[in-house]
């Protein structure tokens, strides 16, 4: 699992049948510098829990991401949680 920040939505009018009805979000993985050449710091993740732009999210990748229902779905990354904001003390 990794933590990232949702930076936008992905729209695909034509996609694999198993992806119909699933929301795709662009997630910047925390710990990577964001610049024009850092394509490995961005994931496209399926969102089934209602995350939005600016949310800190927990993302699982690989086989666990594609195993969220009975049928095999071609998913590499799945948002599994929205991180609660931290409170600053003092």
N, C-alpha and C. Protein backbone atom coordinates (compact mmCIF):
# COMPACT_ATOMS: atom_id res chain seq x y z
N UNK A 1 0.84 -1.19 0.00
CA UNK A 1 0.00 0.00 0.00
C UNK A 1 0.88 1.24 0.00
N UNK A 2 0.37 2.29 -0.61
CA UNK A 2 1.06 3.57 -0.63
C UNK A 2 0.07 4.67 -0.31
N UNK A 3 0.60 5.83 0.09
CA UNK A 3 -0.24 7.00 0.34
C UNK A 3 0.02 8.00 -0.77
N UNK A 4 -1.04 8.62 -1.24
CA UNK A 4 -0.92 9.62 -2.30
C UNK A 4 -1.99 10.68 -2.18
N UNK A 5 -1.95 11.63 -3.10
CA UNK A 5 -2.92 12.72 -3.14
C UNK A 5 -3.62 12.71 -4.48
N UNK A 6 -4.95 12.78 -4.46
CA UNK A 6 -5.71 12.81 -5.70
C UNK A 6 -5.49 14.18 -6.35
N UNK A 7 -5.04 14.15 -7.62
CA UNK A 7 -4.76 15.40 -8.34
C UNK A 7 -5.70 15.63 -9.51
N UNK A 8 -6.58 14.68 -9.79
CA UNK A 8 -7.52 14.89 -10.88
C UNK A 8 -8.28 13.63 -11.24
N UNK A 9 -9.20 13.79 -12.18
CA UNK A 9 -10.01 12.68 -12.68
C UNK A 9 -9.52 12.26 -14.05
N UNK A 10 -9.75 11.01 -14.38
CA UNK A 10 -9.43 10.48 -15.70
C UNK A 10 -10.76 10.11 -16.36
N UNK A 11 -10.98 10.60 -17.57
CA UNK A 11 -12.20 10.27 -18.31
C UNK A 11 -11.83 9.38 -19.48
N UNK A 12 -12.52 8.26 -19.62
CA UNK A 12 -12.30 7.35 -20.74
C UNK A 12 -13.68 6.91 -21.25
N UNK A 13 -14.07 7.42 -22.40
CA UNK A 13 -15.39 7.07 -22.92
C UNK A 13 -15.42 5.65 -23.45
N UNK A 14 -14.26 5.14 -23.86
CA UNK A 14 -14.16 3.75 -24.31
C UNK A 14 -13.16 3.04 -23.43
N UNK A 15 -13.59 1.96 -22.79
CA UNK A 15 -12.71 1.22 -21.89
C UNK A 15 -13.18 -0.22 -21.78
N UNK A 16 -12.37 -1.05 -21.16
CA UNK A 16 -12.68 -2.45 -20.92
C UNK A 16 -14.05 -2.55 -20.23
N UNK A 17 -14.85 -3.54 -20.64
CA UNK A 17 -16.21 -3.69 -20.12
C UNK A 17 -16.25 -3.77 -18.59
N UNK A 18 -15.29 -4.44 -17.97
CA UNK A 18 -15.26 -4.57 -16.52
C UNK A 18 -15.05 -3.26 -15.79
N UNK A 19 -14.61 -2.24 -16.50
CA UNK A 19 -14.37 -0.93 -15.89
C UNK A 19 -15.57 0.01 -15.98
N UNK A 20 -16.61 -0.42 -16.68
CA UNK A 20 -17.81 0.42 -16.83
C UNK A 20 -18.39 0.76 -15.46
N UNK A 21 -18.65 2.03 -15.24
CA UNK A 21 -19.23 2.48 -13.98
C UNK A 21 -18.23 2.76 -12.88
N UNK A 22 -16.95 2.51 -13.12
CA UNK A 22 -15.93 2.78 -12.10
C UNK A 22 -15.28 4.13 -12.36
N UNK A 23 -15.07 4.90 -11.28
CA UNK A 23 -14.43 6.21 -11.38
C UNK A 23 -12.92 6.03 -11.35
N UNK A 24 -12.22 6.69 -12.29
CA UNK A 24 -10.77 6.64 -12.37
C UNK A 24 -10.19 7.98 -11.91
N UNK A 25 -9.23 7.92 -11.01
CA UNK A 25 -8.60 9.14 -10.49
C UNK A 25 -7.10 9.10 -10.71
N UNK A 26 -6.53 10.28 -10.91
CA UNK A 26 -5.09 10.44 -11.03
C UNK A 26 -4.54 10.72 -9.63
N UNK A 27 -3.61 9.87 -9.18
CA UNK A 27 -3.07 9.97 -7.81
C UNK A 27 -1.57 10.19 -7.87
N UNK A 28 -1.10 11.26 -7.24
CA UNK A 28 0.33 11.52 -7.09
C UNK A 28 0.81 10.81 -5.83
N UNK A 29 1.77 9.90 -5.99
CA UNK A 29 2.29 9.13 -4.86
C UNK A 29 3.21 10.01 -4.02
N UNK A 30 2.93 10.08 -2.72
CA UNK A 30 3.74 10.90 -1.82
C UNK A 30 5.18 10.40 -1.79
N UNK A 31 6.13 11.34 -1.67
CA UNK A 31 7.54 10.99 -1.60
C UNK A 31 8.26 11.16 -2.92
N UNK A 32 7.53 11.39 -4.00
CA UNK A 32 8.13 11.64 -5.31
C UNK A 32 8.02 13.12 -5.62
N UNK A 33 9.06 13.68 -6.22
CA UNK A 33 9.01 15.07 -6.66
C UNK A 33 8.07 15.18 -7.85
N UNK A 34 7.24 16.19 -7.87
CA UNK A 34 6.35 16.41 -9.01
C UNK A 34 7.02 17.35 -9.99
N UNK A 35 7.40 16.82 -11.12
CA UNK A 35 7.93 17.66 -12.20
C UNK A 35 7.54 17.02 -13.52
N UNK A 36 7.84 17.68 -14.60
CA UNK A 36 7.42 17.22 -15.92
C UNK A 36 7.96 15.84 -16.28
N UNK A 37 9.10 15.44 -15.71
CA UNK A 37 9.70 14.17 -16.08
C UNK A 37 9.38 13.02 -15.14
N UNK A 38 8.63 13.26 -14.08
CA UNK A 38 8.40 12.23 -13.06
C UNK A 38 7.09 11.49 -13.31
N UNK A 39 7.01 10.76 -14.41
CA UNK A 39 5.77 10.05 -14.72
C UNK A 39 5.52 8.87 -13.79
N UNK A 40 6.58 8.33 -13.15
CA UNK A 40 6.38 7.20 -12.26
C UNK A 40 5.78 7.60 -10.91
N UNK A 41 5.59 8.88 -10.67
CA UNK A 41 4.99 9.33 -9.43
C UNK A 41 3.48 9.44 -9.52
N UNK A 42 2.89 9.16 -10.69
CA UNK A 42 1.45 9.26 -10.91
C UNK A 42 0.86 7.88 -11.19
N UNK A 43 -0.24 7.56 -10.52
CA UNK A 43 -0.98 6.34 -10.77
C UNK A 43 -2.39 6.68 -11.23
N UNK A 44 -2.97 5.83 -12.04
CA UNK A 44 -4.40 5.89 -12.30
C UNK A 44 -5.02 4.83 -11.41
N UNK A 45 -5.91 5.24 -10.51
CA UNK A 45 -6.48 4.31 -9.54
C UNK A 45 -8.00 4.33 -9.63
N UNK A 46 -8.60 3.17 -9.43
CA UNK A 46 -10.05 3.07 -9.37
C UNK A 46 -10.51 3.54 -8.00
N UNK A 47 -11.58 4.34 -7.99
CA UNK A 47 -12.13 4.86 -6.73
C UNK A 47 -13.56 4.35 -6.57
N UNK A 48 -13.81 3.61 -5.51
CA UNK A 48 -15.17 3.13 -5.22
C UNK A 48 -15.68 3.70 -3.90
N UNK A 49 -14.89 4.61 -3.26
CA UNK A 49 -15.29 5.10 -1.94
C UNK A 49 -15.58 6.59 -1.90
N UNK A 50 -15.46 7.28 -3.04
CA UNK A 50 -15.84 8.69 -3.09
C UNK A 50 -14.74 9.69 -2.80
N UNK A 51 -13.51 9.37 -3.13
CA UNK A 51 -12.41 10.33 -2.96
C UNK A 51 -12.54 11.44 -4.00
N UNK A 52 -11.93 12.56 -3.70
CA UNK A 52 -11.97 13.69 -4.62
C UNK A 52 -10.64 14.40 -4.69
N UNK A 53 -10.53 15.34 -5.59
CA UNK A 53 -9.30 16.11 -5.77
C UNK A 53 -8.85 16.73 -4.45
N UNK A 54 -7.58 16.54 -4.13
CA UNK A 54 -7.01 17.07 -2.90
C UNK A 54 -7.01 16.10 -1.73
N UNK A 55 -7.79 15.02 -1.82
CA UNK A 55 -7.83 14.04 -0.73
C UNK A 55 -6.55 13.23 -0.67
N UNK A 56 -6.07 12.97 0.56
CA UNK A 56 -4.99 12.02 0.80
C UNK A 56 -5.63 10.65 0.84
N UNK A 57 -5.10 9.70 0.06
CA UNK A 57 -5.71 8.39 -0.05
C UNK A 57 -4.70 7.27 0.16
N UNK A 58 -5.21 6.11 0.54
CA UNK A 58 -4.42 4.89 0.63
C UNK A 58 -4.74 4.07 -0.61
N UNK A 59 -3.68 3.65 -1.31
CA UNK A 59 -3.84 2.92 -2.57
C UNK A 59 -3.16 1.56 -2.45
N UNK A 60 -3.87 0.52 -2.86
CA UNK A 60 -3.26 -0.80 -2.95
C UNK A 60 -3.05 -1.11 -4.43
N UNK A 61 -1.99 -1.84 -4.72
CA UNK A 61 -1.65 -2.11 -6.12
C UNK A 61 -1.48 -3.61 -6.35
N UNK A 62 -1.55 -4.00 -7.62
CA UNK A 62 -1.32 -5.38 -8.00
C UNK A 62 -2.56 -6.26 -7.82
N UNK A 63 -2.34 -7.52 -7.52
CA UNK A 63 -3.43 -8.50 -7.43
C UNK A 63 -4.52 -8.09 -6.44
N UNK A 64 -4.21 -7.60 -5.25
CA UNK A 64 -5.29 -7.20 -4.33
C UNK A 64 -6.22 -6.14 -4.91
N UNK A 65 -5.71 -5.29 -5.78
CA UNK A 65 -6.54 -4.23 -6.38
C UNK A 65 -7.58 -4.81 -7.32
N UNK A 66 -7.26 -5.88 -8.00
CA UNK A 66 -8.19 -6.45 -8.98
C UNK A 66 -9.14 -7.46 -8.37
N UNK A 67 -9.00 -7.75 -7.09
CA UNK A 67 -9.80 -8.80 -6.46
C UNK A 67 -10.96 -8.24 -5.64
N UNK A 68 -11.50 -7.07 -5.99
CA UNK A 68 -12.56 -6.48 -5.18
C UNK A 68 -13.95 -7.03 -5.49
N UNK A 69 -14.09 -7.83 -6.55
CA UNK A 69 -15.37 -8.49 -6.82
C UNK A 69 -15.12 -9.87 -7.42
N UNK A 70 -16.19 -10.57 -7.77
CA UNK A 70 -16.07 -11.96 -8.21
C UNK A 70 -15.41 -12.11 -9.58
N UNK A 71 -15.61 -11.14 -10.47
CA UNK A 71 -15.05 -11.26 -11.82
C UNK A 71 -13.66 -10.64 -11.90
N UNK A 72 -12.86 -11.14 -12.81
CA UNK A 72 -11.52 -10.61 -13.01
C UNK A 72 -11.62 -9.27 -13.73
N UNK A 73 -11.04 -8.23 -13.13
CA UNK A 73 -11.09 -6.88 -13.69
C UNK A 73 -9.66 -6.38 -13.86
N UNK A 74 -9.33 -5.78 -15.01
CA UNK A 74 -7.95 -5.32 -15.25
C UNK A 74 -7.62 -4.03 -14.50
N UNK A 75 -7.40 -4.16 -13.19
CA UNK A 75 -7.11 -2.99 -12.35
C UNK A 75 -5.75 -3.21 -11.69
N UNK A 76 -4.91 -2.18 -11.75
CA UNK A 76 -3.59 -2.25 -11.12
C UNK A 76 -3.54 -1.48 -9.81
N UNK A 77 -4.44 -0.49 -9.63
CA UNK A 77 -4.42 0.33 -8.42
C UNK A 77 -5.85 0.63 -7.98
N UNK A 78 -6.11 0.50 -6.67
CA UNK A 78 -7.45 0.70 -6.11
C UNK A 78 -7.33 1.56 -4.85
N UNK A 79 -8.12 2.62 -4.78
CA UNK A 79 -8.16 3.45 -3.57
C UNK A 79 -8.97 2.70 -2.53
N UNK A 80 -8.36 2.44 -1.37
CA UNK A 80 -9.03 1.66 -0.32
C UNK A 80 -9.31 2.48 0.93
N UNK A 81 -8.87 3.74 0.97
CA UNK A 81 -9.14 4.57 2.13
C UNK A 81 -8.83 6.02 1.88
N UNK A 82 -9.53 6.89 2.60
CA UNK A 82 -9.25 8.33 2.59
C UNK A 82 -8.66 8.66 3.95
N UNK A 83 -7.47 9.24 3.95
CA UNK A 83 -6.75 9.53 5.19
C UNK A 83 -7.37 10.75 5.86
N UNK A 84 -7.65 10.61 7.16
CA UNK A 84 -8.19 11.73 7.93
C UNK A 84 -7.12 12.79 8.12
N UNK A 85 -7.52 14.07 8.09
CA UNK A 85 -6.52 15.14 8.31
C UNK A 85 -5.89 15.01 9.70
N UNK A 86 -4.60 15.32 9.77
CA UNK A 86 -3.89 15.28 11.05
C UNK A 86 -4.14 16.59 11.80
N UNK A 87 -4.29 16.47 13.11
CA UNK A 87 -4.42 17.67 13.93
C UNK A 87 -3.04 18.06 14.44
N UNK A 88 -2.72 19.34 14.33
CA UNK A 88 -1.45 19.83 14.86
C UNK A 88 -1.62 20.17 16.33
N UNK A 89 -0.68 19.71 17.16
CA UNK A 89 -0.75 20.01 18.59
C UNK A 89 0.19 21.17 18.91
N UNK A 90 -0.29 22.01 19.84
CA UNK A 90 0.54 23.09 20.32
C UNK A 90 0.51 24.23 19.41
